[in-house]
Amino acid sequence: YYPSELLCPLRYQWVPFKIAKPHLDKKPYVV
């Protein structure tokens, strides 16, 4: 459901999924 965004678990800022995806591909937990 594009364009979605994810909530940063530490600072509670919203980050576009397209930015977060490459980093989540490498490890499950990302700030």
All heavy atoms as atom14 arrays in JSON, in Angstrom:
{
  "sequence": "YYPSELLCPLRYQWVPFKIAKPHLDKKPYVV",
  "atom14_mask": [
    [1, 1, 1, 1, 1, 1, 1, 1, 1, 1, 1, 1, 0, 0],
    [1, 1, 1, 1, 1, 1, 1, 1, 1, 1, 1, 1, 0, 0],
    [1, 1, 1, 1, 1, 1, 1, 0, 0, 0, 0, 0, 0, 0],
    [1, 1, 1, 1, 1, 1, 0, 0, 0, 0, 0, 0, 0, 0],
    [1, 1, 1, 1, 1, 1, 1, 1, 1, 0, 0, 0, 0, 0],
    [1, 1, 1, 1, 1, 1, 1, 1, 0, 0, 0, 0, 0, 0],
    [1, 1, 1, 1, 1, 1, 1, 1, 0, 0, 0, 0, 0, 0],
    [1, 1, 1, 1, 1, 1, 0, 0, 0, 0, 0, 0, 0, 0],
    [1, 1, 1, 1, 1, 1, 1, 0, 0, 0, 0, 0, 0, 0],
    [1, 1, 1, 1, 1, 1, 1, 1, 0, 0, 0, 0, 0, 0],
    [1, 1, 1, 1, 1, 1, 1, 1, 1, 1, 1, 0, 0, 0],
    [1, 1, 1, 1, 1, 1, 1, 1, 1, 1, 1, 1, 0, 0],
    [1, 1, 1, 1, 1, 1, 1, 1, 1, 0, 0, 0, 0, 0],
    [1, 1, 1, 1, 1, 1, 1, 1, 1, 1, 1, 1, 1, 1],
    [1, 1, 1, 1, 1, 1, 1, 0, 0, 0, 0, 0, 0, 0],
    [1, 1, 1, 1, 1, 1, 1, 0, 0, 0, 0, 0, 0, 0],
    [1, 1, 1, 1, 1, 1, 1, 1, 1, 1, 1, 0, 0, 0],
    [1, 1, 1, 1, 1, 1, 1, 1, 1, 0, 0, 0, 0, 0],
    [1, 1, 1, 1, 1, 1, 1, 1, 0, 0, 0, 0, 0, 0],
    [1, 1, 1, 1, 1, 0, 0, 0, 0, 0, 0, 0, 0, 0],
    [1, 1, 1, 1, 1, 1, 1, 1, 1, 0, 0, 0, 0, 0],
    [1, 1, 1, 1, 1, 1, 1, 0, 0, 0, 0, 0, 0, 0],
    [1, 1, 1, 1, 1, 1, 1, 1, 1, 1, 0, 0, 0, 0],
    [1, 1, 1, 1, 1, 1, 1, 1, 0, 0, 0, 0, 0, 0],
    [1, 1, 1, 1, 1, 1, 1, 1, 0, 0, 0, 0, 0, 0],
    [1, 1, 1, 1, 1, 1, 1, 1, 1, 0, 0, 0, 0, 0],
    [1, 1, 1, 1, 1, 1, 1, 1, 1, 0, 0, 0, 0, 0],
    [1, 1, 1, 1, 1, 1, 1, 0, 0, 0, 0, 0, 0, 0],
    [1, 1, 1, 1, 1, 1, 1, 1, 1, 1, 1, 1, 0, 0],
    [1, 1, 1, 1, 1, 1, 1, 0, 0, 0, 0, 0, 0, 0],
    [1, 1, 1, 1, 1, 1, 1, 0, 0, 0, 0, 0, 0, 0]
  ],
  "atom14_positions": [
    [[0.89, -1.17, 0.0], [0.0, 0.0, 0.0], [0.92, 1.22, 0.0], [1.35, 1.71, 1.04], [-0.95, -0.05, 1.2], [-1.93, -1.2, 1.07], [-1.62, -2.46, 1.58], [-3.11, -1.05, 0.37], [-2.48, -3.53, 1.42], [-3.98, -2.12, 0.2], [-3.66, -3.34, 0.73], [-4.51, -4.41, 0.55], [0.0, 0.0, 0.0], [0.0, 0.0, 0.0]],
    [[1.19, 1.68, -1.19], [2.27, 2.64, -1.44], [1.74, 4.07, -1.52], [0.64, 4.27, -2.07], [2.94, 2.24, -2.77], [4.02, 3.18, -3.23], [5.32, 3.03, -2.79], [3.73, 4.23, -4.1], [6.32, 3.89, -3.2], [4.72, 5.11, -4.52], [6.01, 4.92, -4.07], [6.98, 5.78, -4.47], [0.0, 0.0, 0.0], [0.0, 0.0, 0.0]],
    [[2.45, 5.07, -1.0], [3.74, 5.0, -0.31], [3.57, 4.96, 1.21], [3.06, 5.91, 1.79], [4.41, 6.28, -0.77], [3.27, 7.26, -0.94], [2.06, 6.45, -1.32], [0.0, 0.0, 0.0], [0.0, 0.0, 0.0], [0.0, 0.0, 0.0], [0.0, 0.0, 0.0], [0.0, 0.0, 0.0], [0.0, 0.0, 0.0], [0.0, 0.0, 0.0]],
    [[3.97, 3.89, 1.83], [3.83, 3.76, 3.28], [5.1, 4.24, 3.99], [6.13, 4.46, 3.37], [3.53, 2.3, 3.65], [4.51, 1.45, 3.11], [0.0, 0.0, 0.0], [0.0, 0.0, 0.0], [0.0, 0.0, 0.0], [0.0, 0.0, 0.0], [0.0, 0.0, 0.0], [0.0, 0.0, 0.0], [0.0, 0.0, 0.0], [0.0, 0.0, 0.0]],
    [[4.99, 4.39, 5.31], [6.13, 4.81, 6.11], [6.13, 4.06, 7.43], [5.07, 3.64, 7.93], [6.12, 6.33, 6.33], [4.81, 6.89, 6.84], [4.78, 8.41, 6.83], [5.81, 9.03, 6.52], [3.73, 8.98, 7.16], [0.0, 0.0, 0.0], [0.0, 0.0, 0.0], [0.0, 0.0, 0.0], [0.0, 0.0, 0.0], [0.0, 0.0, 0.0]],
    [[7.32, 3.87, 7.99], [7.51, 3.12, 9.22], [7.92, 4.06, 10.35], [8.59, 5.07, 10.13], [8.58, 2.05, 9.04], [8.37, 1.03, 7.92], [9.55, 0.05, 7.87], [7.07, 0.28, 8.09], [0.0, 0.0, 0.0], [0.0, 0.0, 0.0], [0.0, 0.0, 0.0], [0.0, 0.0, 0.0], [0.0, 0.0, 0.0], [0.0, 0.0, 0.0]],
    [[7.54, 3.67, 11.57], [7.84, 4.48, 12.76], [9.2, 4.06, 13.33], [9.43, 2.88, 13.6], [6.75, 4.29, 13.81], [6.88, 5.11, 15.09], [6.67, 6.59, 14.8], [5.86, 4.63, 16.13], [0.0, 0.0, 0.0], [0.0, 0.0, 0.0], [0.0, 0.0, 0.0], [0.0, 0.0, 0.0], [0.0, 0.0, 0.0], [0.0, 0.0, 0.0]],
    [[10.08, 5.04, 13.52], [11.38, 4.76, 14.15], [11.14, 4.32, 15.59], [10.46, 5.02, 16.35], [12.27, 6.0, 14.11], [13.84, 5.77, 15.02], [0.0, 0.0, 0.0], [0.0, 0.0, 0.0], [0.0, 0.0, 0.0], [0.0, 0.0, 0.0], [0.0, 0.0, 0.0], [0.0, 0.0, 0.0], [0.0, 0.0, 0.0], [0.0, 0.0, 0.0]],
    [[11.68, 3.17, 16.0], [11.41, 2.66, 17.35], [12.12, 3.4, 18.47], [11.83, 3.18, 19.63], [11.92, 1.21, 17.26], [13.0, 1.25, 16.23], [12.54, 2.27, 15.21], [0.0, 0.0, 0.0], [0.0, 0.0, 0.0], [0.0, 0.0, 0.0], [0.0, 0.0, 0.0], [0.0, 0.0, 0.0], [0.0, 0.0, 0.0], [0.0, 0.0, 0.0]],
    [[13.04, 4.29, 18.12], [13.79, 5.01, 19.15], [13.35, 6.46, 19.29], [13.08, 6.93, 20.4], [15.29, 4.94, 18.85], [16.22, 5.6, 19.88], [16.08, 4.92, 21.23], [17.67, 5.57, 19.41], [0.0, 0.0, 0.0], [0.0, 0.0, 0.0], [0.0, 0.0, 0.0], [0.0, 0.0, 0.0], [0.0, 0.0, 0.0], [0.0, 0.0, 0.0]],
    [[13.27, 7.16, 18.16], [12.94, 8.59, 18.21], [11.52, 8.89, 17.75], [11.1, 10.05, 17.75], [13.95, 9.37, 17.35], [15.39, 9.2, 17.83], [16.35, 10.06, 17.03], [17.73, 9.83, 17.46], [18.55, 8.94, 16.91], [18.11, 8.21, 15.87], [19.76, 8.78, 17.35], [0.0, 0.0, 0.0], [0.0, 0.0, 0.0], [0.0, 0.0, 0.0]],
    [[10.78, 7.87, 17.35], [9.37, 8.01, 16.97], [9.16, 9.01, 15.84], [8.22, 9.81, 15.86], [8.53, 8.34, 18.2], [8.74, 7.36, 19.33], [9.36, 7.74, 20.51], [8.37, 6.03, 19.17], [9.6, 6.82, 21.52], [8.6, 5.1, 20.18], [9.22, 5.51, 21.35], [9.45, 4.59, 22.34], [0.0, 0.0, 0.0], [0.0, 0.0, 0.0]],
    [[10.05, 8.96, 14.86], [9.9, 9.73, 13.63], [9.46, 8.77, 12.53], [9.78, 7.59, 12.55], [11.22, 10.4, 13.24], [11.75, 11.37, 14.28], [13.16, 11.85, 13.96], [13.78, 11.41, 13.0], [13.68, 12.76, 14.77], [0.0, 0.0, 0.0], [0.0, 0.0, 0.0], [0.0, 0.0, 0.0], [0.0, 0.0, 0.0], [0.0, 0.0, 0.0]],
    [[8.73, 9.3, 11.54], [8.24, 8.48, 10.44], [9.24, 8.52, 9.29], [9.69, 9.59, 8.88], [6.87, 8.97, 9.98], [5.81, 8.75, 11.01], [5.34, 9.66, 11.92], [5.11, 7.54, 11.27], [4.39, 9.09, 12.73], [4.22, 7.78, 12.35], [5.14, 6.27, 10.7], [3.37, 6.8, 12.85], [4.28, 5.29, 11.2], [3.41, 5.56, 12.27]],
    [[9.57, 7.34, 8.76], [10.56, 7.2, 7.71], [9.93, 6.46, 6.53], [9.32, 5.4, 6.73], [11.8, 6.42, 8.22], [12.81, 6.21, 7.09], [12.43, 7.15, 9.4], [0.0, 0.0, 0.0], [0.0, 0.0, 0.0], [0.0, 0.0, 0.0], [0.0, 0.0, 0.0], [0.0, 0.0, 0.0], [0.0, 0.0, 0.0], [0.0, 0.0, 0.0]],
    [[10.03, 6.98, 5.3], [9.46, 6.29, 4.14], [9.98, 4.86, 4.01], [11.17, 4.6, 4.21], [9.91, 7.16, 2.96], [10.13, 8.51, 3.54], [10.65, 8.27, 4.93], [0.0, 0.0, 0.0], [0.0, 0.0, 0.0], [0.0, 0.0, 0.0], [0.0, 0.0, 0.0], [0.0, 0.0, 0.0], [0.0, 0.0, 0.0], [0.0, 0.0, 0.0]],
    [[9.09, 3.95, 3.68], [9.49, 2.55, 3.57], [10.57, 2.34, 2.52], [11.47, 1.51, 2.69], [8.27, 1.68, 3.24], [8.62, 0.24, 3.01], [8.88, -0.6, 4.07], [8.74, -0.27, 1.72], [9.23, -1.93, 3.88], [9.08, -1.59, 1.51], [9.34, -2.43, 2.59], [0.0, 0.0, 0.0], [0.0, 0.0, 0.0], [0.0, 0.0, 0.0]],
    [[10.51, 3.08, 1.43], [11.49, 2.9, 0.36], [12.9, 3.21, 0.86], [13.88, 2.7, 0.31], [11.14, 3.78, -0.84], [11.21, 5.28, -0.59], [10.75, 6.05, -1.81], [10.72, 7.56, -1.58], [12.07, 8.1, -1.37], [0.0, 0.0, 0.0], [0.0, 0.0, 0.0], [0.0, 0.0, 0.0], [0.0, 0.0, 0.0], [0.0, 0.0, 0.0]],
    [[13.03, 4.04, 1.89], [14.33, 4.32, 2.49], [14.73, 3.22, 3.47], [15.88, 2.81, 3.54], [14.31, 5.69, 3.2], [14.15, 6.81, 2.17], [15.56, 5.88, 4.04], [14.05, 8.18, 2.8], [0.0, 0.0, 0.0], [0.0, 0.0, 0.0], [0.0, 0.0, 0.0], [0.0, 0.0, 0.0], [0.0, 0.0, 0.0], [0.0, 0.0, 0.0]],
    [[13.75, 2.72, 4.21], [14.04, 1.73, 5.26], [14.33, 0.34, 4.69], [15.12, -0.41, 5.26], [12.87, 1.65, 6.23], [0.0, 0.0, 0.0], [0.0, 0.0, 0.0], [0.0, 0.0, 0.0], [0.0, 0.0, 0.0], [0.0, 0.0, 0.0], [0.0, 0.0, 0.0], [0.0, 0.0, 0.0], [0.0, 0.0, 0.0], [0.0, 0.0, 0.0]],
    [[13.71, -0.01, 3.56], [13.78, -1.39, 3.06], [15.2, -1.92, 2.87], [15.51, -3.03, 3.33], [13.0, -1.52, 1.76], [13.02, -2.94, 1.18], [12.29, -3.02, -0.13], [12.31, -4.44, -0.68], [13.67, -4.93, -0.97], [0.0, 0.0, 0.0], [0.0, 0.0, 0.0], [0.0, 0.0, 0.0], [0.0, 0.0, 0.0], [0.0, 0.0, 0.0]],
    [[16.11, -1.2, 2.2], [17.45, -1.77, 2.0], [18.15, -2.09, 3.31], [18.93, -3.05, 3.38], [18.19, -0.65, 1.24], [17.12, 0.16, 0.6], [15.98, 0.11, 1.55], [0.0, 0.0, 0.0], [0.0, 0.0, 0.0], [0.0, 0.0, 0.0], [0.0, 0.0, 0.0], [0.0, 0.0, 0.0], [0.0, 0.0, 0.0], [0.0, 0.0, 0.0]],
    [[17.87, -1.34, 4.37], [18.5, -1.57, 5.66], [17.85, -2.74, 6.39], [18.53, -3.52, 7.06], [18.44, -0.3, 6.5], [19.15, 0.86, 5.87], [20.48, 1.15, 6.11], [18.72, 1.78, 4.96], [20.84, 2.2, 5.39], [19.79, 2.61, 4.7], [0.0, 0.0, 0.0], [0.0, 0.0, 0.0], [0.0, 0.0, 0.0], [0.0, 0.0, 0.0]],
    [[16.52, -2.87, 6.25], [15.83, -4.0, 6.86], [16.18, -5.31, 6.16], [16.07, -6.38, 6.75], [14.31, -3.76, 6.83], [13.8, -2.61, 7.69], [12.31, -2.39, 7.45], [14.07, -2.88, 9.16], [0.0, 0.0, 0.0], [0.0, 0.0, 0.0], [0.0, 0.0, 0.0], [0.0, 0.0, 0.0], [0.0, 0.0, 0.0], [0.0, 0.0, 0.0]],
    [[16.58, -5.23, 4.89], [17.03, -6.43, 4.18], [18.29, -7.01, 4.82], [18.56, -8.2, 4.72], [17.32, -6.11, 2.71], [16.04, -5.91, 1.91], [14.98, -6.38, 2.36], [16.1, -5.27, 0.84], [0.0, 0.0, 0.0], [0.0, 0.0, 0.0], [0.0, 0.0, 0.0], [0.0, 0.0, 0.0], [0.0, 0.0, 0.0], [0.0, 0.0, 0.0]],
    [[19.06, -6.15, 5.49], [20.34, -6.58, 6.06], [20.2, -7.05, 7.49], [20.87, -7.99, 7.92], [21.35, -5.43, 5.99], [21.68, -4.99, 4.56], [22.6, -3.77, 4.57], [22.88, -3.3, 3.15], [23.74, -2.07, 3.15], [0.0, 0.0, 0.0], [0.0, 0.0, 0.0], [0.0, 0.0, 0.0], [0.0, 0.0, 0.0], [0.0, 0.0, 0.0]],
    [[19.34, -6.39, 8.28], [19.14, -6.81, 9.67], [17.74, -6.4, 10.11], [17.2, -5.39, 9.64], [20.19, -6.19, 10.58], [20.29, -4.68, 10.54], [21.41, -4.18, 11.46], [21.51, -2.64, 11.44], [22.57, -2.17, 12.36], [0.0, 0.0, 0.0], [0.0, 0.0, 0.0], [0.0, 0.0, 0.0], [0.0, 0.0, 0.0], [0.0, 0.0, 0.0]],
    [[17.12, -7.17, 11.0], [15.71, -6.94, 11.35], [15.46, -5.69, 12.18], [14.41, -5.09, 12.07], [15.32, -8.2, 12.12], [16.6, -8.75, 12.64], [17.64, -8.41, 11.63], [0.0, 0.0, 0.0], [0.0, 0.0, 0.0], [0.0, 0.0, 0.0], [0.0, 0.0, 0.0], [0.0, 0.0, 0.0], [0.0, 0.0, 0.0], [0.0, 0.0, 0.0]],
    [[16.42, -5.31, 13.03], [16.2, -4.13, 13.88], [17.09, -2.99, 13.42], [18.32, -3.12, 13.37], [16.49, -4.44, 15.35], [16.39, -3.21, 16.23], [15.16, -2.61, 16.47], [17.53, -2.63, 16.79], [15.07, -1.47, 17.25], [17.44, -1.49, 17.58], [16.2, -0.91, 17.81], [16.09, 0.21, 18.57], [0.0, 0.0, 0.0], [0.0, 0.0, 0.0]],
    [[16.45, -1.87, 13.09], [17.18, -0.7, 12.6], [16.6, 0.53, 13.28], [15.37, 0.67, 13.4], [17.04, -0.55, 11.06], [17.77, 0.69, 10.59], [17.57, -1.79, 10.36], [0.0, 0.0, 0.0], [0.0, 0.0, 0.0], [0.0, 0.0, 0.0], [0.0, 0.0, 0.0], [0.0, 0.0, 0.0], [0.0, 0.0, 0.0], [0.0, 0.0, 0.0]],
    [[17.46, 1.44, 13.73], [17.0, 2.75, 14.21], [16.75, 3.59, 12.96], [17.68, 4.17, 12.38], [18.04, 3.4, 15.14], [17.55, 4.78, 15.58], [18.29, 2.51, 16.35], [0.0, 0.0, 0.0], [0.0, 0.0, 0.0], [0.0, 0.0, 0.0], [0.0, 0.0, 0.0], [0.0, 0.0, 0.0], [0.0, 0.0, 0.0], [0.0, 0.0, 0.0]]
  ]
}
